[in-house]
């Protein structure tokens, strides 16, 4: 019997990712976090990874550069990031930095949403979470080896 797409691990991963995205949006709305999930993700990535340019950030957040640029424009207009010209690999690039207001916004959002995420995380054993993370990384590595274009 042929396996249907909805029975595959790929479908389960995609569906789970969509549920996570929807939950994030609902939690941000519920707790009146005045930035979007995507904006939060960007700010958090930038706080954890110094000297990032738009291209590197786009790869990290799994969005194309145009979409990433629009999100960065919004964050810059809100005063949550700045972009400064620098040289990286002998090329001029704009390095993105999170402002104090941006850091405060991330901390405020994290404090508001943390209890919700912790309540979900508590329902899953840490060893199970680690195993799922490791299995997903193994799967990504296998998929990456077969991709014609590296992400």
C-alpha atoms as a PDB file:
ATOM      1  CA  UNK A   1       0.000   0.000   0.000  1.00  0.00           C
ATOM      2  CA  UNK A   2       1.352   3.402  -0.976  1.00  0.00           C
ATOM      3  CA  UNK A   3       1.977   5.924   1.797  1.00  0.00           C
ATOM      4  CA  UNK A   4      -0.056   9.083   1.398  1.00  0.00           C
ATOM      5  CA  UNK A   5       1.553  12.467   1.938  1.00  0.00           C
ATOM      6  CA  UNK A   6      -0.518  13.086   5.077  1.00  0.00           C
ATOM      7  CA  UNK A   7       0.946   9.885   6.536  1.00  0.00           C
ATOM      8  CA  UNK A   8       4.562  10.976   6.030  1.00  0.00           C
ATOM      9  CA  UNK A   9       6.984  12.451   8.541  1.00  0.00           C
ATOM     10  CA  UNK A  10       7.346  15.467   6.241  1.00  0.00           C
ATOM     11  CA  UNK A  11       3.649  16.287   6.555  1.00  0.00           C
ATOM     12  CA  UNK A  12       3.776  15.823  10.336  1.00  0.00           C
ATOM     13  CA  UNK A  13       6.730  18.204  10.609  1.00  0.00           C
ATOM     14  CA  UNK A  14       5.070  20.819   8.393  1.00  0.00           C
ATOM     15  CA  UNK A  15       1.782  20.550  10.285  1.00  0.00           C
ATOM     16  CA  UNK A  16       3.549  20.838  13.640  1.00  0.00           C
ATOM     17  CA  UNK A  17       5.438  23.919  12.422  1.00  0.00           C
ATOM     18  CA  UNK A  18       2.159  25.536  11.363  1.00  0.00           C
ATOM     19  CA  UNK A  19       0.606  24.765  14.752  1.00  0.00           C
ATOM     20  CA  UNK A  20       3.625  26.333  16.479  1.00  0.00           C
ATOM     21  CA  UNK A  21       3.334  29.462  14.301  1.00  0.00           C
ATOM     22  CA  UNK A  22      -0.409  29.782  14.990  1.00  0.00           C
ATOM     23  CA  UNK A  23       0.094  29.258  18.705  1.00  0.00           C
ATOM     24  CA  UNK A  24       2.772  31.937  18.722  1.00  0.00           C
ATOM     25  CA  UNK A  25       0.477  34.390  16.959  1.00  0.00           C
ATOM     26  CA  UNK A  26      -2.377  33.655  19.378  1.00  0.00           C
ATOM     27  CA  UNK A  27      -0.152  34.034  22.438  1.00  0.00           C
ATOM     28  CA  UNK A  28       1.297  37.317  21.169  1.00  0.00           C
ATOM     29  CA  UNK A  29      -2.232  38.641  20.591  1.00  0.00           C
ATOM     30  CA  UNK A  30      -3.527  37.303  23.921  1.00  0.00           C
ATOM     31  CA  UNK A  31      -0.781  39.032  25.915  1.00  0.00           C
ATOM     32  CA  UNK A  32      -0.823  42.232  23.846  1.00  0.00           C
ATOM     33  CA  UNK A  33       2.757  41.877  22.694  1.00  0.00           C
ATOM     34  CA  UNK A  34       3.047  44.809  20.313  1.00  0.00           C
ATOM     35  CA  UNK A  35       5.450  43.117  17.915  1.00  0.00           C
ATOM     36  CA  UNK A  36       4.807  40.151  15.654  1.00  0.00           C
ATOM     37  CA  UNK A  37       6.198  36.665  16.082  1.00  0.00           C
ATOM     38  CA  UNK A  38       8.453  37.281  13.058  1.00  0.00           C
ATOM     39  CA  UNK A  39       9.721  40.564  14.516  1.00  0.00           C
ATOM     40  CA  UNK A  40      10.394  38.852  17.843  1.00  0.00           C
ATOM     41  CA  UNK A  41      12.265  36.045  16.086  1.00  0.00           C
ATOM     42  CA  UNK A  42      14.433  38.532  14.238  1.00  0.00           C
ATOM     43  CA  UNK A  43      15.237  40.555  17.327  1.00  0.00           C
ATOM     44  CA  UNK A  44      16.044  37.427  19.324  1.00  0.00           C
ATOM     45  CA  UNK A  45      18.315  36.098  16.542  1.00  0.00           C
ATOM     46  CA  UNK A  46      20.120  39.423  16.341  1.00  0.00           C
ATOM     47  CA  UNK A  47      20.622  39.557  20.111  1.00  0.00           C
ATOM     48  CA  UNK A  48      22.118  36.052  20.091  1.00  0.00           C
ATOM     49  CA  UNK A  49      24.232  36.538  16.931  1.00  0.00           C
ATOM     50  CA  UNK A  50      26.342  39.655  16.627  1.00  0.00           C
ATOM     51  CA  UNK A  51      27.422  41.297  13.360  1.00  0.00           C
ATOM     52  CA  UNK A  52      24.670  39.838  11.202  1.00  0.00           C
ATOM     53  CA  UNK A  53      23.775  41.222   7.812  1.00  0.00           C
ATOM     54  CA  UNK A  54      20.434  40.811   6.054  1.00  0.00           C
ATOM     55  CA  UNK A  55      21.595  37.825   3.982  1.00  0.00           C
ATOM     56  CA  UNK A  56      22.789  35.883   7.063  1.00  0.00           C
ATOM     57  CA  UNK A  57      19.633  36.766   8.972  1.00  0.00           C
ATOM     58  CA  UNK A  58      17.388  35.663   6.088  1.00  0.00           C
ATOM     59  CA  UNK A  59      19.053  32.243   6.105  1.00  0.00           C
ATOM     60  CA  UNK A  60      18.642  31.947   9.855  1.00  0.00           C
ATOM     61  CA  UNK A  61      14.938  32.870   9.944  1.00  0.00           C
ATOM     62  CA  UNK A  62      14.167  30.866   6.775  1.00  0.00           C
ATOM     63  CA  UNK A  63      12.822  33.792   4.774  1.00  0.00           C
ATOM     64  CA  UNK A  64      13.916  35.305   1.501  1.00  0.00           C
ATOM     65  CA  UNK A  65      15.963  38.491   1.545  1.00  0.00           C
ATOM     66  CA  UNK A  66      13.120  40.673   0.230  1.00  0.00           C
ATOM     67  CA  UNK A  67      10.733  39.564   2.981  1.00  0.00           C
ATOM     68  CA  UNK A  68      13.500  39.928   5.560  1.00  0.00           C
ATOM     69  CA  UNK A  69      14.207  43.432   4.268  1.00  0.00           C
ATOM     70  CA  UNK A  70      10.571  44.465   4.737  1.00  0.00           C
ATOM     71  CA  UNK A  71      10.597  43.161   8.304  1.00  0.00           C
ATOM     72  CA  UNK A  72      13.861  45.002   9.001  1.00  0.00           C
ATOM     73  CA  UNK A  73      12.411  48.223   7.569  1.00  0.00           C
ATOM     74  CA  UNK A  74       9.484  47.907   9.984  1.00  0.00           C
ATOM     75  CA  UNK A  75      11.764  47.215  12.943  1.00  0.00           C
ATOM     76  CA  UNK A  76      13.967  50.152  12.011  1.00  0.00           C
ATOM     77  CA  UNK A  77      10.964  52.487  11.716  1.00  0.00           C
ATOM     78  CA  UNK A  78       9.889  51.375  15.211  1.00  0.00           C
ATOM     79  CA  UNK A  79      13.376  52.226  16.509  1.00  0.00           C
ATOM     80  CA  UNK A  80      14.090  48.623  17.512  1.00  0.00           C
ATOM     81  CA  UNK A  81      17.131  48.115  15.247  1.00  0.00           C
ATOM     82  CA  UNK A  82      19.758  50.154  13.456  1.00  0.00           C
ATOM     83  CA  UNK A  83      21.788  49.230  10.386  1.00  0.00           C
ATOM     84  CA  UNK A  84      25.400  50.310  10.097  1.00  0.00           C
ATOM     85  CA  UNK A  85      27.678  50.056   7.102  1.00  0.00           C
ATOM     86  CA  UNK A  86      30.606  47.657   7.558  1.00  0.00           C
ATOM     87  CA  UNK A  87      32.954  45.519   5.499  1.00  0.00           C
ATOM     88  CA  UNK A  88      32.378  41.756   5.582  1.00  0.00           C
ATOM     89  CA  UNK A  89      34.364  39.382   3.354  1.00  0.00           C
ATOM     90  CA  UNK A  90      35.777  42.440   1.550  1.00  0.00           C
ATOM     91  CA  UNK A  91      32.260  43.630   0.662  1.00  0.00           C
ATOM     92  CA  UNK A  92      30.233  46.505   2.060  1.00  0.00           C
ATOM     93  CA  UNK A  93      27.238  45.256   4.058  1.00  0.00           C
ATOM     94  CA  UNK A  94      24.847  46.710   6.567  1.00  0.00           C
ATOM     95  CA  UNK A  95      25.279  45.119   9.973  1.00  0.00           C
ATOM     96  CA  UNK A  96      22.070  45.024  12.005  1.00  0.00           C
ATOM     97  CA  UNK A  97      22.137  45.978  15.665  1.00  0.00           C
ATOM     98  CA  UNK A  98      19.337  45.812  18.206  1.00  0.00           C
ATOM     99  CA  UNK A  99      18.724  49.082  20.037  1.00  0.00           C
ATOM    100  CA  UNK A 100      18.085  49.334  23.769  1.00  0.00           C
ATOM    101  CA  UNK A 101      14.390  49.732  22.936  1.00  0.00           C
ATOM    102  CA  UNK A 102      14.572  46.543  20.880  1.00  0.00           C
ATOM    103  CA  UNK A 103      16.223  44.620  23.701  1.00  0.00           C
ATOM    104  CA  UNK A 104      13.605  45.913  26.141  1.00  0.00           C
ATOM    105  CA  UNK A 105      10.848  44.871  23.721  1.00  0.00           C
ATOM    106  CA  UNK A 106      12.232  41.316  23.474  1.00  0.00           C
ATOM    107  CA  UNK A 107      12.576  41.028  27.244  1.00  0.00           C
ATOM    108  CA  UNK A 108       9.026  42.321  27.778  1.00  0.00           C
ATOM    109  CA  UNK A 109       7.630  39.923  25.165  1.00  0.00           C
ATOM    110  CA  UNK A 110       9.581  36.975  26.601  1.00  0.00           C
ATOM    111  CA  UNK A 111       8.293  37.704  30.109  1.00  0.00           C
ATOM    112  CA  UNK A 112       4.707  37.802  28.821  1.00  0.00           C
ATOM    113  CA  UNK A 113       4.825  34.635  26.722  1.00  0.00           C
ATOM    114  CA  UNK A 114       7.185  32.482  28.815  1.00  0.00           C
ATOM    115  CA  UNK A 115       4.509  31.020  31.157  1.00  0.00           C
ATOM    116  CA  UNK A 116       2.478  29.822  28.183  1.00  0.00           C
ATOM    117  CA  UNK A 117       5.405  28.060  26.550  1.00  0.00           C
ATOM    118  CA  UNK A 118       6.640  26.600  29.830  1.00  0.00           C
ATOM    119  CA  UNK A 119       3.219  25.060  30.486  1.00  0.00           C
ATOM    120  CA  UNK A 120       3.422  23.245  27.147  1.00  0.00           C
ATOM    121  CA  UNK A 121       7.071  22.270  27.603  1.00  0.00           C
ATOM    122  CA  UNK A 122       6.345  20.814  31.070  1.00  0.00           C
ATOM    123  CA  UNK A 123       4.074  18.233  29.456  1.00  0.00           C
ATOM    124  CA  UNK A 124       7.009  16.700  27.564  1.00  0.00           C
ATOM    125  CA  UNK A 125       9.982  15.062  29.244  1.00  0.00           C
ATOM    126  CA  UNK A 126      13.298  16.839  28.700  1.00  0.00           C
ATOM    127  CA  UNK A 127      14.831  13.628  27.381  1.00  0.00           C
ATOM    128  CA  UNK A 128      12.036  13.368  24.787  1.00  0.00           C
ATOM    129  CA  UNK A 129      12.540  16.991  23.739  1.00  0.00           C
ATOM    130  CA  UNK A 130      16.264  16.409  23.333  1.00  0.00           C
ATOM    131  CA  UNK A 131      15.667  13.230  21.337  1.00  0.00           C
ATOM    132  CA  UNK A 132      13.176  14.924  18.991  1.00  0.00           C
ATOM    133  CA  UNK A 133      15.592  17.826  18.493  1.00  0.00           C
ATOM    134  CA  UNK A 134      18.433  15.429  17.706  1.00  0.00           C
ATOM    135  CA  UNK A 135      16.303  13.363  15.310  1.00  0.00           C
ATOM    136  CA  UNK A 136      15.143  16.491  13.489  1.00  0.00           C
ATOM    137  CA  UNK A 137      18.736  17.661  13.142  1.00  0.00           C
ATOM    138  CA  UNK A 138      19.721  14.261  11.725  1.00  0.00           C
ATOM    139  CA  UNK A 139      16.852  14.462   9.239  1.00  0.00           C
ATOM    140  CA  UNK A 140      17.839  18.016   8.235  1.00  0.00           C
ATOM    141  CA  UNK A 141      21.419  16.922   7.701  1.00  0.00           C
ATOM    142  CA  UNK A 142      20.283  14.042   5.480  1.00  0.00           C
ATOM    143  CA  UNK A 143      17.988  16.347   3.515  1.00  0.00           C
ATOM    144  CA  UNK A 144      20.715  18.960   3.222  1.00  0.00           C
ATOM    145  CA  UNK A 145      23.043  16.343   1.720  1.00  0.00           C
ATOM    146  CA  UNK A 146      20.521  15.647  -1.052  1.00  0.00           C
ATOM    147  CA  UNK A 147      19.549  19.265  -1.770  1.00  0.00           C
ATOM    148  CA  UNK A 148      20.904  20.760  -4.966  1.00  0.00           C
ATOM    149  CA  UNK A 149      20.917  24.211  -3.310  1.00  0.00           C
ATOM    150  CA  UNK A 150      22.346  24.522   0.180  1.00  0.00           C
ATOM    151  CA  UNK A 151      20.290  26.509   2.680  1.00  0.00           C
END
